[in-house]
């Protein structure tokens, strides 16, 4: 599903959504999405991990007994991912409907021309 035009925000959001609520380390996310630039890692941490001004972090965090921090999508992150994926599916369905409508228009036009030709030949 990954497209070259997808933003880093979308890539992170969809990757976390596809984890199916399995906790992950932020380093796993960086490695999987090849996020190596310091400004990108800081951006991801600021947007997804740290609590923004609106108070709705996209990742929820927890620590295990050895102090390792794990993350998974929060409710607002899940809502954002589902909204994006629903929009992508709607785009796909609308393209398919457009093609079907064009085919139907073409068939209708051909049938109309055939009917005119038959009527003129009688």
PDB file of N, CA and C in Angstrom:
ATOM      1  N   UNK A   1       0.812  -1.189   0.000  1.00  0.00           N
ATOM      2  CA  UNK A   1       0.000   0.000   0.000  1.00  0.00           C
ATOM      3  C   UNK A   1       0.856   1.254   0.000  1.00  0.00           C
ATOM      4  N   UNK A   2       2.125   1.116   0.261  1.00  0.00           N
ATOM      5  CA  UNK A   2       2.981   2.292   0.343  1.00  0.00           C
ATOM      6  C   UNK A   2       3.140   2.942  -1.017  1.00  0.00           C
ATOM      7  N   UNK A   3       3.022   4.256  -1.041  1.00  0.00           N
ATOM      8  CA  UNK A   3       3.167   5.027  -2.260  1.00  0.00           C
ATOM      9  C   UNK A   3       4.316   6.004  -2.079  1.00  0.00           C
ATOM     10  N   UNK A   4       5.015   6.355  -3.160  1.00  0.00           N
ATOM     11  CA  UNK A   4       6.133   7.276  -3.024  1.00  0.00           C
ATOM     12  C   UNK A   4       5.702   8.650  -2.514  1.00  0.00           C
ATOM     13  N   UNK A   5       4.459   9.019  -2.756  1.00  0.00           N
ATOM     14  CA  UNK A   5       4.011  10.344  -2.376  1.00  0.00           C
ATOM     15  C   UNK A   5       3.502  10.420  -0.939  1.00  0.00           C
ATOM     16  N   UNK A   6       3.458   9.294  -0.235  1.00  0.00           N
ATOM     17  CA  UNK A   6       2.977   9.301   1.132  1.00  0.00           C
ATOM     18  C   UNK A   6       3.939  10.060   2.027  1.00  0.00           C
ATOM     19  N   UNK A   7       3.378  10.841   2.909  1.00  0.00           N
ATOM     20  CA  UNK A   7       4.198  11.599   3.835  1.00  0.00           C
ATOM     21  C   UNK A   7       4.711  10.680   4.947  1.00  0.00           C
ATOM     22  N   UNK A   8       5.687  11.156   5.661  1.00  0.00           N
ATOM     23  CA  UNK A   8       6.232  10.390   6.771  1.00  0.00           C
ATOM     24  C   UNK A   8       5.151  10.154   7.822  1.00  0.00           C
ATOM     25  N   UNK A   9       4.303  11.116   8.023  1.00  0.00           N
ATOM     26  CA  UNK A   9       3.195  10.989   8.976  1.00  0.00           C
ATOM     27  C   UNK A   9       2.324   9.780   8.629  1.00  0.00           C
ATOM     28  N   UNK A  10       1.944   9.684   7.373  1.00  0.00           N
ATOM     29  CA  UNK A  10       1.084   8.575   6.920  1.00  0.00           C
ATOM     30  C   UNK A  10       1.826   7.249   7.024  1.00  0.00           C
ATOM     31  N   UNK A  11       3.086   7.220   6.640  1.00  0.00           N
ATOM     32  CA  UNK A  11       3.858   5.976   6.711  1.00  0.00           C
ATOM     33  C   UNK A  11       3.930   5.455   8.143  1.00  0.00           C
ATOM     34  N   UNK A  12       4.208   6.355   9.095  1.00  0.00           N
ATOM     35  CA  UNK A  12       4.306   5.954  10.499  1.00  0.00           C
ATOM     36  C   UNK A  12       2.943   5.490  11.006  1.00  0.00           C
ATOM     37  N   UNK A  13       1.917   6.247  10.682  1.00  0.00           N
ATOM     38  CA  UNK A  13       0.568   5.932  11.143  1.00  0.00           C
ATOM     39  C   UNK A  13       0.109   4.567  10.631  1.00  0.00           C
ATOM     40  N   UNK A  14       0.289   4.309   9.356  1.00  0.00           N
ATOM     41  CA  UNK A  14      -0.149   3.033   8.766  1.00  0.00           C
ATOM     42  C   UNK A  14       0.715   1.882   9.279  1.00  0.00           C
ATOM     43  N   UNK A  15       2.011   2.115   9.436  1.00  0.00           N
ATOM     44  CA  UNK A  15       2.884   1.059   9.965  1.00  0.00           C
ATOM     45  C   UNK A  15       2.431   0.651  11.363  1.00  0.00           C
ATOM     46  N   UNK A  16       2.171   1.622  12.202  1.00  0.00           N
ATOM     47  CA  UNK A  16       1.735   1.324  13.571  1.00  0.00           C
ATOM     48  C   UNK A  16       0.372   0.638  13.559  1.00  0.00           C
ATOM     49  N   UNK A  17      -0.513   1.060  12.674  1.00  0.00           N
ATOM     50  CA  UNK A  17      -1.837   0.428  12.564  1.00  0.00           C
ATOM     51  C   UNK A  17      -1.710  -1.035  12.138  1.00  0.00           C
ATOM     52  N   UNK A  18      -0.823  -1.304  11.200  1.00  0.00           N
ATOM     53  CA  UNK A  18      -0.633  -2.670  10.700  1.00  0.00           C
ATOM     54  C   UNK A  18       0.003  -3.594  11.730  1.00  0.00           C
ATOM     55  N   UNK A  19       0.504  -3.047  12.827  1.00  0.00           N
ATOM     56  CA  UNK A  19       1.069  -3.868  13.902  1.00  0.00           C
ATOM     57  C   UNK A  19      -0.025  -4.604  14.687  1.00  0.00           C
ATOM     58  N   UNK A  20      -1.295  -4.272  14.428  1.00  0.00           N
ATOM     59  CA  UNK A  20      -2.446  -4.945  15.060  1.00  0.00           C
ATOM     60  C   UNK A  20      -2.373  -4.904  16.594  1.00  0.00           C
ATOM     61  N   UNK A  21      -2.063  -3.747  17.114  1.00  0.00           N
ATOM     62  CA  UNK A  21      -2.002  -3.504  18.554  1.00  0.00           C
ATOM     63  C   UNK A  21      -0.913  -4.317  19.263  1.00  0.00           C
ATOM     64  N   UNK A  22       0.122  -4.704  18.529  1.00  0.00           N
ATOM     65  CA  UNK A  22       1.295  -5.320  19.141  1.00  0.00           C
ATOM     66  C   UNK A  22       2.262  -4.211  19.506  1.00  0.00           C
ATOM     67  N   UNK A  23       2.665  -4.129  20.773  1.00  0.00           N
ATOM     68  CA  UNK A  23       3.589  -3.054  21.183  1.00  0.00           C
ATOM     69  C   UNK A  23       4.912  -3.148  20.432  1.00  0.00           C
ATOM     70  N   UNK A  24       5.524  -1.999  20.226  1.00  0.00           N
ATOM     71  CA  UNK A  24       6.799  -1.936  19.513  1.00  0.00           C
ATOM     72  C   UNK A  24       7.686  -0.879  20.155  1.00  0.00           C
ATOM     73  N   UNK A  25       8.982  -1.036  19.921  1.00  0.00           N
ATOM     74  CA  UNK A  25       9.939  -0.017  20.357  1.00  0.00           C
ATOM     75  C   UNK A  25      10.036   1.015  19.250  1.00  0.00           C
ATOM     76  N   UNK A  26      10.301   2.240  19.638  1.00  0.00           N
ATOM     77  CA  UNK A  26      10.402   3.316  18.645  1.00  0.00           C
ATOM     78  C   UNK A  26      11.571   3.039  17.696  1.00  0.00           C
ATOM     79  N   UNK A  27      12.593   2.357  18.184  1.00  0.00           N
ATOM     80  CA  UNK A  27      13.742   2.012  17.341  1.00  0.00           C
ATOM     81  C   UNK A  27      13.331   1.038  16.238  1.00  0.00           C
ATOM     82  N   UNK A  28      12.382   0.141  16.537  1.00  0.00           N
ATOM     83  CA  UNK A  28      11.872  -0.791  15.525  1.00  0.00           C
ATOM     84  C   UNK A  28      11.185  -0.023  14.398  1.00  0.00           C
ATOM     85  N   UNK A  29      10.420   0.986  14.785  1.00  0.00           N
ATOM     86  CA  UNK A  29       9.741   1.817  13.792  1.00  0.00           C
ATOM     87  C   UNK A  29      10.763   2.526  12.912  1.00  0.00           C
ATOM     88  N   UNK A  30      11.783   3.114  13.548  1.00  0.00           N
ATOM     89  CA  UNK A  30      12.821   3.816  12.786  1.00  0.00           C
ATOM     90  C   UNK A  30      13.521   2.867  11.807  1.00  0.00           C
ATOM     91  N   UNK A  31      13.839   1.672  12.269  1.00  0.00           N
ATOM     92  CA  UNK A  31      14.537   0.704  11.412  1.00  0.00           C
ATOM     93  C   UNK A  31      13.646   0.234  10.269  1.00  0.00           C
ATOM     94  N   UNK A  32      12.393  -0.075  10.591  1.00  0.00           N
ATOM     95  CA  UNK A  32      11.469  -0.609   9.577  1.00  0.00           C
ATOM     96  C   UNK A  32      11.177   0.415   8.482  1.00  0.00           C
ATOM     97  N   UNK A  33      11.028   1.678   8.853  1.00  0.00           N
ATOM     98  CA  UNK A  33      10.707   2.728   7.876  1.00  0.00           C
ATOM     99  C   UNK A  33      11.942   3.476   7.388  1.00  0.00           C
ATOM    100  N   UNK A  34      13.121   3.002   7.788  1.00  0.00           N
ATOM    101  CA  UNK A  34      14.385   3.602   7.368  1.00  0.00           C
ATOM    102  C   UNK A  34      14.433   5.095   7.709  1.00  0.00           C
ATOM    103  N   UNK A  35      14.077   5.411   8.933  1.00  0.00           N
ATOM    104  CA  UNK A  35      14.134   6.786   9.424  1.00  0.00           C
ATOM    105  C   UNK A  35      15.469   6.931  10.133  1.00  0.00           C
ATOM    106  N   UNK A  36      16.423   7.581   9.461  1.00  0.00           N
ATOM    107  CA  UNK A  36      17.772   7.685  10.025  1.00  0.00           C
ATOM    108  C   UNK A  36      18.210   9.127  10.264  1.00  0.00           C
ATOM    109  N   UNK A  37      17.556  10.058   9.631  1.00  0.00           N
ATOM    110  CA  UNK A  37      17.944  11.457   9.814  1.00  0.00           C
ATOM    111  C   UNK A  37      17.516  11.934  11.200  1.00  0.00           C
ATOM    112  N   UNK A  38      18.406  12.630  11.907  1.00  0.00           N
ATOM    113  CA  UNK A  38      18.059  13.096  13.255  1.00  0.00           C
ATOM    114  C   UNK A  38      16.819  13.994  13.292  1.00  0.00           C
ATOM    115  N   UNK A  39      16.645  14.825  12.280  1.00  0.00           N
ATOM    116  CA  UNK A  39      15.471  15.703  12.290  1.00  0.00           C
ATOM    117  C   UNK A  39      14.179  14.908  12.097  1.00  0.00           C
ATOM    118  N   UNK A  40      14.231  13.810  11.328  1.00  0.00           N
ATOM    119  CA  UNK A  40      13.051  12.973  11.147  1.00  0.00           C
ATOM    120  C   UNK A  40      12.723  12.194  12.416  1.00  0.00           C
ATOM    121  N   UNK A  41      13.749  11.656  13.082  1.00  0.00           N
ATOM    122  CA  UNK A  41      13.493  10.916  14.320  1.00  0.00           C
ATOM    123  C   UNK A  41      12.930  11.842  15.394  1.00  0.00           C
ATOM    124  N   UNK A  42      13.449  13.054  15.477  1.00  0.00           N
ATOM    125  CA  UNK A  42      12.935  14.026  16.436  1.00  0.00           C
ATOM    126  C   UNK A  42      11.494  14.401  16.101  1.00  0.00           C
ATOM    127  N   UNK A  43      11.211  14.578  14.810  1.00  0.00           N
ATOM    128  CA  UNK A  43       9.857  14.927  14.371  1.00  0.00           C
ATOM    129  C   UNK A  43       8.869  13.819  14.737  1.00  0.00           C
ATOM    130  N   UNK A  44       9.238  12.567  14.456  1.00  0.00           N
ATOM    131  CA  UNK A  44       8.368  11.440  14.780  1.00  0.00           C
ATOM    132  C   UNK A  44       8.121  11.388  16.283  1.00  0.00           C
ATOM    133  N   UNK A  45       9.168  11.572  17.060  1.00  0.00           N
ATOM    134  CA  UNK A  45       9.019  11.540  18.519  1.00  0.00           C
ATOM    135  C   UNK A  45       8.106  12.668  18.988  1.00  0.00           C
ATOM    136  N   UNK A  46       8.282  13.863  18.431  1.00  0.00           N
ATOM    137  CA  UNK A  46       7.460  15.005  18.844  1.00  0.00           C
ATOM    138  C   UNK A  46       6.000  14.839  18.447  1.00  0.00           C
ATOM    139  N   UNK A  47       5.740  14.318  17.270  1.00  0.00           N
ATOM    140  CA  UNK A  47       4.368  14.201  16.772  1.00  0.00           C
ATOM    141  C   UNK A  47       3.643  12.999  17.364  1.00  0.00           C
ATOM    142  N   UNK A  48       4.296  11.864  17.463  1.00  0.00           N
ATOM    143  CA  UNK A  48       3.619  10.630  17.838  1.00  0.00           C
ATOM    144  C   UNK A  48       3.772  10.241  19.303  1.00  0.00           C
ATOM    145  N   UNK A  49       4.908  10.518  19.904  1.00  0.00           N
ATOM    146  CA  UNK A  49       5.173  10.027  21.260  1.00  0.00           C
ATOM    147  C   UNK A  49       4.862  11.081  22.315  1.00  0.00           C
ATOM    148  N   UNK A  50       5.427  12.265  22.148  1.00  0.00           N
ATOM    149  CA  UNK A  50       5.211  13.319  23.133  1.00  0.00           C
ATOM    150  C   UNK A  50       3.781  13.826  23.043  1.00  0.00           C
ATOM    151  N   UNK A  51       3.257  14.261  24.145  1.00  0.00           N
ATOM    152  CA  UNK A  51       1.881  14.752  24.159  1.00  0.00           C
ATOM    153  C   UNK A  51       1.860  16.165  23.579  1.00  0.00           C
ATOM    154  N   UNK A  52       1.168  16.362  22.452  1.00  0.00           N
ATOM    155  CA  UNK A  52       1.112  17.686  21.822  1.00  0.00           C
ATOM    156  C   UNK A  52       0.210  18.641  22.616  1.00  0.00           C
ATOM    157  N   UNK A  53       0.124  19.853  22.134  1.00  0.00           N
ATOM    158  CA  UNK A  53      -0.654  20.883  22.823  1.00  0.00           C
ATOM    159  C   UNK A  53      -2.121  20.505  22.989  1.00  0.00           C
ATOM    160  N   UNK A  54      -2.677  19.787  22.025  1.00  0.00           N
ATOM    161  CA  UNK A  54      -4.088  19.410  22.135  1.00  0.00           C
ATOM    162  C   UNK A  54      -4.313  18.254  23.107  1.00  0.00           C
ATOM    163  N   UNK A  55      -3.240  17.664  23.624  1.00  0.00           N
ATOM    164  CA  UNK A  55      -3.353  16.624  24.638  1.00  0.00           C
ATOM    165  C   UNK A  55      -3.666  15.241  24.130  1.00  0.00           C
ATOM    166  N   UNK A  56      -3.654  15.018  22.823  1.00  0.00           N
ATOM    167  CA  UNK A  56      -3.989  13.715  22.238  1.00  0.00           C
ATOM    168  C   UNK A  56      -2.775  13.126  21.537  1.00  0.00           C
ATOM    169  N   UNK A  57      -1.980  12.365  22.274  1.00  0.00           N
ATOM    170  CA  UNK A  57      -0.827  11.710  21.663  1.00  0.00           C
ATOM    171  C   UNK A  57      -1.321  10.594  20.755  1.00  0.00           C
ATOM    172  N   UNK A  58      -0.623  10.376  19.649  1.00  0.00           N
ATOM    173  CA  UNK A  58      -1.025   9.341  18.706  1.00  0.00           C
ATOM    174  C   UNK A  58      -0.521   7.960  19.110  1.00  0.00           C
ATOM    175  N   UNK A  59       0.532   7.908  19.928  1.00  0.00           N
ATOM    176  CA  UNK A  59       1.026   6.653  20.487  1.00  0.00           C
ATOM    177  C   UNK A  59       0.819   6.682  21.994  1.00  0.00           C
ATOM    178  N   UNK A  60       0.447   5.556  22.555  1.00  0.00           N
ATOM    179  CA  UNK A  60       0.471   5.425  24.007  1.00  0.00           C
ATOM    180  C   UNK A  60       1.723   4.634  24.355  1.00  0.00           C
ATOM    181  N   UNK A  61       2.291   4.920  25.500  1.00  0.00           N
ATOM    182  CA  UNK A  61       3.565   4.317  25.879  1.00  0.00           C
ATOM    183  C   UNK A  61       3.425   3.555  27.185  1.00  0.00           C
ATOM    184  N   UNK A  62       4.219   2.516  27.318  1.00  0.00           N
ATOM    185  CA  UNK A  62       4.285   1.758  28.569  1.00  0.00           C
ATOM    186  C   UNK A  62       5.696   1.209  28.713  1.00  0.00           C
ATOM    187  N   UNK A  63       6.057   0.893  29.963  1.00  0.00           N
ATOM    188  CA  UNK A  63       7.376   0.338  30.230  1.00  0.00           C
ATOM    189  C   UNK A  63       7.221  -1.033  30.854  1.00  0.00           C
ATOM    190  N   UNK A  64       8.146  -1.914  30.503  1.00  0.00           N
ATOM    191  CA  UNK A  64       8.139  -3.225  31.133  1.00  0.00           C
ATOM    192  C   UNK A  64       9.003  -3.175  32.391  1.00  0.00           C
ATOM    193  N   UNK A  65       9.159  -4.292  33.049  1.00  0.00           N
ATOM    194  CA  UNK A  65       9.885  -4.327  34.321  1.00  0.00           C
ATOM    195  C   UNK A  65      11.361  -3.976  34.173  1.00  0.00           C
ATOM    196  N   UNK A  66      11.938  -4.163  32.998  1.00  0.00           N
ATOM    197  CA  UNK A  66      13.351  -3.825  32.799  1.00  0.00           C
ATOM    198  C   UNK A  66      13.532  -2.392  32.310  1.00  0.00           C
ATOM    199  N   UNK A  67      12.454  -1.638  32.231  1.00  0.00           N
ATOM    200  CA  UNK A  67      12.564  -0.218  31.887  1.00  0.00           C
ATOM    201  C   UNK A  67      12.506   0.077  30.394  1.00  0.00           C
ATOM    202  N   UNK A  68      12.273  -0.933  29.557  1.00  0.00           N
ATOM    203  CA  UNK A  68      12.149  -0.700  28.124  1.00  0.00           C
ATOM    204  C   UNK A  68      10.789  -0.071  27.831  1.00  0.00           C
ATOM    205  N   UNK A  69      10.787   0.928  26.957  1.00  0.00           N
ATOM    206  CA  UNK A  69       9.541   1.606  26.607  1.00  0.00           C
ATOM    207  C   UNK A  69       8.983   1.028  25.318  1.00  0.00           C
ATOM    208  N   UNK A  70       7.708   0.712  25.360  1.00  0.00           N
ATOM    209  CA  UNK A  70       7.001   0.191  24.199  1.00  0.00           C
ATOM    210  C   UNK A  70       5.847   1.127  23.860  1.00  0.00           C
ATOM    211  N   UNK A  71       5.473   1.143  22.583  1.00  0.00           N
ATOM    212  CA  UNK A  71       4.413   2.025  22.111  1.00  0.00           C
ATOM    213  C   UNK A  71       3.391   1.224  21.312  1.00  0.00           C
ATOM    214  N   UNK A  72       2.193   1.777  21.243  1.00  0.00           N
ATOM    215  CA  UNK A  72       1.177   1.315  20.312  1.00  0.00           C
ATOM    216  C   UNK A  72       0.235   2.471  20.056  1.00  0.00           C
ATOM    217  N   UNK A  73      -0.582   2.339  19.030  1.00  0.00           N
ATOM    218  CA  UNK A  73      -1.475   3.433  18.664  1.00  0.00           C
ATOM    219  C   UNK A  73      -2.473   3.708  19.780  1.00  0.00           C
ATOM    220  N   UNK A  74      -2.655   4.972  20.076  1.00  0.00           N
ATOM    221  CA  UNK A  74      -3.679   5.369  21.042  1.00  0.00           C
ATOM    222  C   UNK A  74      -5.028   5.414  20.323  1.00  0.00           C
ATOM    223  N   UNK A  75      -6.063   5.771  21.049  1.00  0.00           N
ATOM    224  CA  UNK A  75      -7.387   5.868  20.439  1.00  0.00           C
ATOM    225  C   UNK A  75      -7.413   6.899  19.317  1.00  0.00           C
ATOM    226  N   UNK A  76      -6.791   8.059  19.556  1.00  0.00           N
ATOM    227  CA  UNK A  76      -6.797   9.091  18.515  1.00  0.00           C
ATOM    228  C   UNK A  76      -5.926   8.680  17.327  1.00  0.00           C
ATOM    229  N   UNK A  77      -4.831   7.952  17.586  1.00  0.00           N
ATOM    230  CA  UNK A  77      -4.002   7.440  16.497  1.00  0.00           C
ATOM    231  C   UNK A  77      -4.735   6.402  15.669  1.00  0.00           C
ATOM    232  N   UNK A  78      -5.472   5.530  16.354  1.00  0.00           N
ATOM    233  CA  UNK A  78      -6.256   4.505  15.666  1.00  0.00           C
ATOM    234  C   UNK A  78      -7.336   5.158  14.814  1.00  0.00           C
ATOM    235  N   UNK A  79      -7.980   6.167  15.361  1.00  0.00           N
ATOM    236  CA  UNK A  79      -9.020   6.883  14.621  1.00  0.00           C
ATOM    237  C   UNK A  79      -8.441   7.551  13.380  1.00  0.00           C
ATOM    238  N   UNK A  80      -7.271   8.150  13.514  1.00  0.00           N
ATOM    239  CA  UNK A  80      -6.622   8.791  12.366  1.00  0.00           C
ATOM    240  C   UNK A  80      -6.253   7.772  11.294  1.00  0.00           C
ATOM    241  N   UNK A  81      -5.719   6.631  11.717  1.00  0.00           N
ATOM    242  CA  UNK A  81      -5.323   5.590  10.756  1.00  0.00           C
ATOM    243  C   UNK A  81      -6.542   5.027  10.034  1.00  0.00           C
ATOM    244  N   UNK A  82      -7.602   4.752  10.769  1.00  0.00           N
ATOM    245  CA  UNK A  82      -8.807   4.203  10.161  1.00  0.00           C
ATOM    246  C   UNK A  82      -9.418   5.213   9.194  1.00  0.00           C
ATOM    247  N   UNK A  83      -9.408   6.481   9.582  1.00  0.00           N
ATOM    248  CA  UNK A  83      -9.924   7.530   8.696  1.00  0.00           C
ATOM    249  C   UNK A  83      -9.144   7.607   7.399  1.00  0.00           C
ATOM    250  N   UNK A  84      -7.815   7.555   7.489  1.00  0.00           N
ATOM    251  CA  UNK A  84      -6.975   7.620   6.287  1.00  0.00           C
ATOM    252  C   UNK A  84      -7.198   6.395   5.401  1.00  0.00           C
ATOM    253  N   UNK A  85      -7.190   5.217   6.000  1.00  0.00           N
ATOM    254  CA  UNK A  85      -7.362   3.997   5.215  1.00  0.00           C
ATOM    255  C   UNK A  85      -8.752   3.936   4.589  1.00  0.00           C
ATOM    256  N   UNK A  86      -9.751   4.432   5.295  1.00  0.00           N
ATOM    257  CA  UNK A  86     -11.097   4.500   4.724  1.00  0.00           C
ATOM    258  C   UNK A  86     -11.151   5.442   3.541  1.00  0.00           C
ATOM    259  N   UNK A  87     -10.459   6.550   3.641  1.00  0.00           N
ATOM    260  CA  UNK A  87     -10.401   7.501   2.535  1.00  0.00           C
ATOM    261  C   UNK A  87      -9.705   6.888   1.324  1.00  0.00           C
ATOM    262  N   UNK A  88      -8.632   6.174   1.549  1.00  0.00           N
ATOM    263  CA  UNK A  88      -7.928   5.517   0.446  1.00  0.00           C
ATOM    264  C   UNK A  88      -8.811   4.471  -0.227  1.00  0.00           C
ATOM    265  N   UNK A  89      -9.568   3.730   0.573  1.00  0.00           N
ATOM    266  CA  UNK A  89     -10.468   2.729   0.003  1.00  0.00           C
ATOM    267  C   UNK A  89     -11.582   3.404  -0.797  1.00  0.00           C
ATOM    268  N   UNK A  90     -12.074   4.519  -0.299  1.00  0.00           N
ATOM    269  CA  UNK A  90     -13.112   5.269  -1.024  1.00  0.00           C
ATOM    270  C   UNK A  90     -12.584   5.773  -2.366  1.00  0.00           C
ATOM    271  N   UNK A  91     -11.343   6.241  -2.375  1.00  0.00           N
ATOM    272  CA  UNK A  91     -10.736   6.690  -3.630  1.00  0.00           C
ATOM    273  C   UNK A  91     -10.670   5.539  -4.632  1.00  0.00           C
ATOM    274  N   UNK A  92     -10.244   4.385  -4.154  1.00  0.00           N
ATOM    275  CA  UNK A  92     -10.139   3.215  -5.015  1.00  0.00           C
ATOM    276  C   UNK A  92     -11.507   2.816  -5.566  1.00  0.00           C
ATOM    277  N   UNK A  93     -12.511   2.807  -4.688  1.00  0.00           N
ATOM    278  CA  UNK A  93     -13.860   2.437  -5.119  1.00  0.00           C
ATOM    279  C   UNK A  93     -14.436   3.441  -6.100  1.00  0.00           C
ATOM    280  N   UNK A  94     -14.146   4.713  -5.909  1.00  0.00           N
ATOM    281  CA  UNK A  94     -14.680   5.724  -6.829  1.00  0.00           C
ATOM    282  C   UNK A  94     -14.022   5.611  -8.203  1.00  0.00           C
ATOM    283  N   UNK A  95     -12.751   5.265  -8.246  1.00  0.00           N
ATOM    284  CA  UNK A  95     -12.086   5.047  -9.542  1.00  0.00           C
ATOM    285  C   UNK A  95     -12.726   3.871 -10.267  1.00  0.00           C
ATOM    286  N   UNK A  96     -12.984   2.795  -9.541  1.00  0.00           N
ATOM    287  CA  UNK A  96     -13.603   1.615 -10.133  1.00  0.00           C
ATOM    288  C   UNK A  96     -14.995   1.963 -10.655  1.00  0.00           C
ATOM    289  N   UNK A  97     -15.759   2.726  -9.888  1.00  0.00           N
ATOM    290  CA  UNK A  97     -17.098   3.122 -10.318  1.00  0.00           C
ATOM    291  C   UNK A  97     -17.034   4.020 -11.548  1.00  0.00           C
ATOM    292  N   UNK A  98     -16.021   4.862 -11.617  1.00  0.00           N
ATOM    293  CA  UNK A  98     -15.854   5.734 -12.783  1.00  0.00           C
ATOM    294  C   UNK A  98     -15.584   4.904 -14.035  1.00  0.00           C
ATOM    295  N   UNK A  99     -14.722   3.903 -13.926  1.00  0.00           N
ATOM    296  CA  UNK A  99     -14.434   3.044 -15.074  1.00  0.00           C
ATOM    297  C   UNK A  99     -15.675   2.273 -15.520  1.00  0.00           C
ATOM    298  N   UNK A 100     -16.429   1.755 -14.557  1.00  0.00           N
ATOM    299  CA  UNK A 100     -17.658   1.040 -14.903  1.00  0.00           C
ATOM    300  C   UNK A 100     -18.661   1.968 -15.589  1.00  0.00           C
ATOM    301  N   UNK A 101     -18.762   3.188 -15.116  1.00  0.00           N
ATOM    302  CA  UNK A 101     -19.683   4.145 -15.733  1.00  0.00           C
ATOM    303  C   UNK A 101     -19.250   4.471 -17.159  1.00  0.00           C
ATOM    304  N   UNK A 102     -17.942   4.613 -17.382  1.00  0.00           N
ATOM    305  CA  UNK A 102     -17.453   4.885 -18.736  1.00  0.00           C
ATOM    306  C   UNK A 102     -17.735   3.704 -19.664  1.00  0.00           C
ATOM    307  N   UNK A 103     -17.548   2.480 -19.171  1.00  0.00           N
ATOM    308  CA  UNK A 103     -17.861   1.299 -19.975  1.00  0.00           C
ATOM    309  C   UNK A 103     -19.347   1.258 -20.311  1.00  0.00           C
ATOM    310  N   UNK A 104     -20.175   1.536 -19.327  1.00  0.00           N
ATOM    311  CA  UNK A 104     -21.626   1.519 -19.553  1.00  0.00           C
ATOM    312  C   UNK A 104     -22.019   2.587 -20.566  1.00  0.00           C
ATOM    313  N   UNK A 105     -21.411   3.750 -20.477  1.00  0.00           N
ATOM    314  CA  UNK A 105     -21.690   4.821 -21.435  1.00  0.00           C
ATOM    315  C   UNK A 105     -21.266   4.407 -22.840  1.00  0.00           C
ATOM    316  N   UNK A 106     -20.117   3.771 -22.942  1.00  0.00           N
ATOM    317  CA  UNK A 106     -19.641   3.304 -24.240  1.00  0.00           C
ATOM    318  C   UNK A 106     -20.552   2.249 -24.832  1.00  0.00           C
ATOM    319  N   UNK A 107     -20.965   1.297 -24.026  1.00  0.00           N
ATOM    320  CA  UNK A 107     -21.863   0.239 -24.509  1.00  0.00           C
ATOM    321  C   UNK A 107     -23.204   0.831 -24.920  1.00  0.00           C
ATOM    322  N   UNK A 108     -23.714   1.764 -24.121  1.00  0.00           N
ATOM    323  CA  UNK A 108     -24.984   2.415 -24.448  1.00  0.00           C
ATOM    324  C   UNK A 108     -24.886   3.162 -25.769  1.00  0.00           C
ATOM    325  N   UNK A 109     -23.768   3.825 -25.984  1.00  0.00           N
ATOM    326  CA  UNK A 109     -23.578   4.563 -27.240  1.00  0.00           C
ATOM    327  C   UNK A 109     -23.534   3.616 -28.436  1.00  0.00           C
ATOM    328  N   UNK A 110     -22.819   2.522 -28.303  1.00  0.00           N
ATOM    329  CA  UNK A 110     -22.727   1.548 -29.395  1.00  0.00           C
ATOM    330  C   UNK A 110     -24.101   0.944 -29.692  1.00  0.00           C
ATOM    331  N   UNK A 111     -24.826   0.586 -28.655  1.00  0.00           N
ATOM    332  CA  UNK A 111     -26.165   0.020 -28.847  1.00  0.00           C
ATOM    333  C   UNK A 111     -27.079   1.050 -29.519  1.00  0.00           C
ATOM    334  N   UNK A 112     -26.971   2.308 -29.113  1.00  0.00           N
ATOM    335  CA  UNK A 112     -27.777   3.364 -29.732  1.00  0.00           C
ATOM    336  C   UNK A 112     -27.481   3.514 -31.209  1.00  0.00           C
ATOM    337  N   UNK A 113     -26.205   3.492 -31.563  1.00  0.00           N
ATOM    338  CA  UNK A 113     -25.816   3.605 -32.969  1.00  0.00           C
ATOM    339  C   UNK A 113     -26.337   2.398 -33.754  1.00  0.00           C
ATOM    340  N   UNK A 114     -26.223   1.202 -33.176  1.00  0.00           N
ATOM    341  CA  UNK A 114     -26.721   0.001 -33.852  1.00  0.00           C
ATOM    342  C   UNK A 114     -28.230   0.094 -34.069  1.00  0.00           C
ATOM    343  N   UNK A 115     -28.959   0.584 -33.083  1.00  0.00           N
ATOM    344  CA  UNK A 115     -30.410   0.738 -33.223  1.00  0.00           C
ATOM    345  C   UNK A 115     -30.749   1.728 -34.323  1.00  0.00           C
ATOM    346  N   UNK A 116     -30.004   2.823 -34.427  1.00  0.00           N
ATOM    347  CA  UNK A 116     -30.246   3.799 -35.493  1.00  0.00           C
ATOM    348  C   UNK A 116     -29.986   3.183 -36.852  1.00  0.00           C
ATOM    349  N   UNK A 117     -28.883   2.448 -36.971  1.00  0.00           N
ATOM    350  CA  UNK A 117     -28.538   1.797 -38.236  1.00  0.00           C
ATOM    351  C   UNK A 117     -29.607   0.788 -38.623  1.00  0.00           C
ATOM    352  N   UNK A 118     -30.070  -0.007 -37.675  1.00  0.00           N
ATOM    353  CA  UNK A 118     -31.118  -0.989 -37.975  1.00  0.00           C
ATOM    354  C   UNK A 118     -32.402  -0.286 -38.410  1.00  0.00           C
ATOM    355  N   UNK A 119     -32.759   0.809 -37.722  1.00  0.00           N
ATOM    356  CA  UNK A 119     -33.990   1.549 -38.067  1.00  0.00           C
ATOM    357  C   UNK A 119     -33.891   2.179 -39.448  1.00  0.00           C
ATOM    358  N   UNK A 120     -32.717   2.633 -39.842  1.00  0.00           N
ATOM    359  CA  UNK A 120     -32.528   3.253 -41.165  1.00  0.00           C
ATOM    360  C   UNK A 120     -32.526   2.224 -42.286  1.00  0.00           C
ATOM    361  N   UNK A 121     -32.125   0.994 -41.971  1.00  0.00           N
ATOM    362  CA  UNK A 121     -32.053  -0.049 -42.987  1.00  0.00           C
ATOM    363  C   UNK A 121     -33.424  -0.681 -43.252  1.00  0.00           C
ATOM    364  N   UNK A 122     -34.412  -0.449 -42.475  1.00  0.00           N
ATOM    365  CA  UNK A 122     -35.742  -1.066 -42.673  1.00  0.00           C
ATOM    366  C   UNK A 122     -36.514  -0.346 -43.707  1.00  0.00           C
TER     367      UNK A 122
END
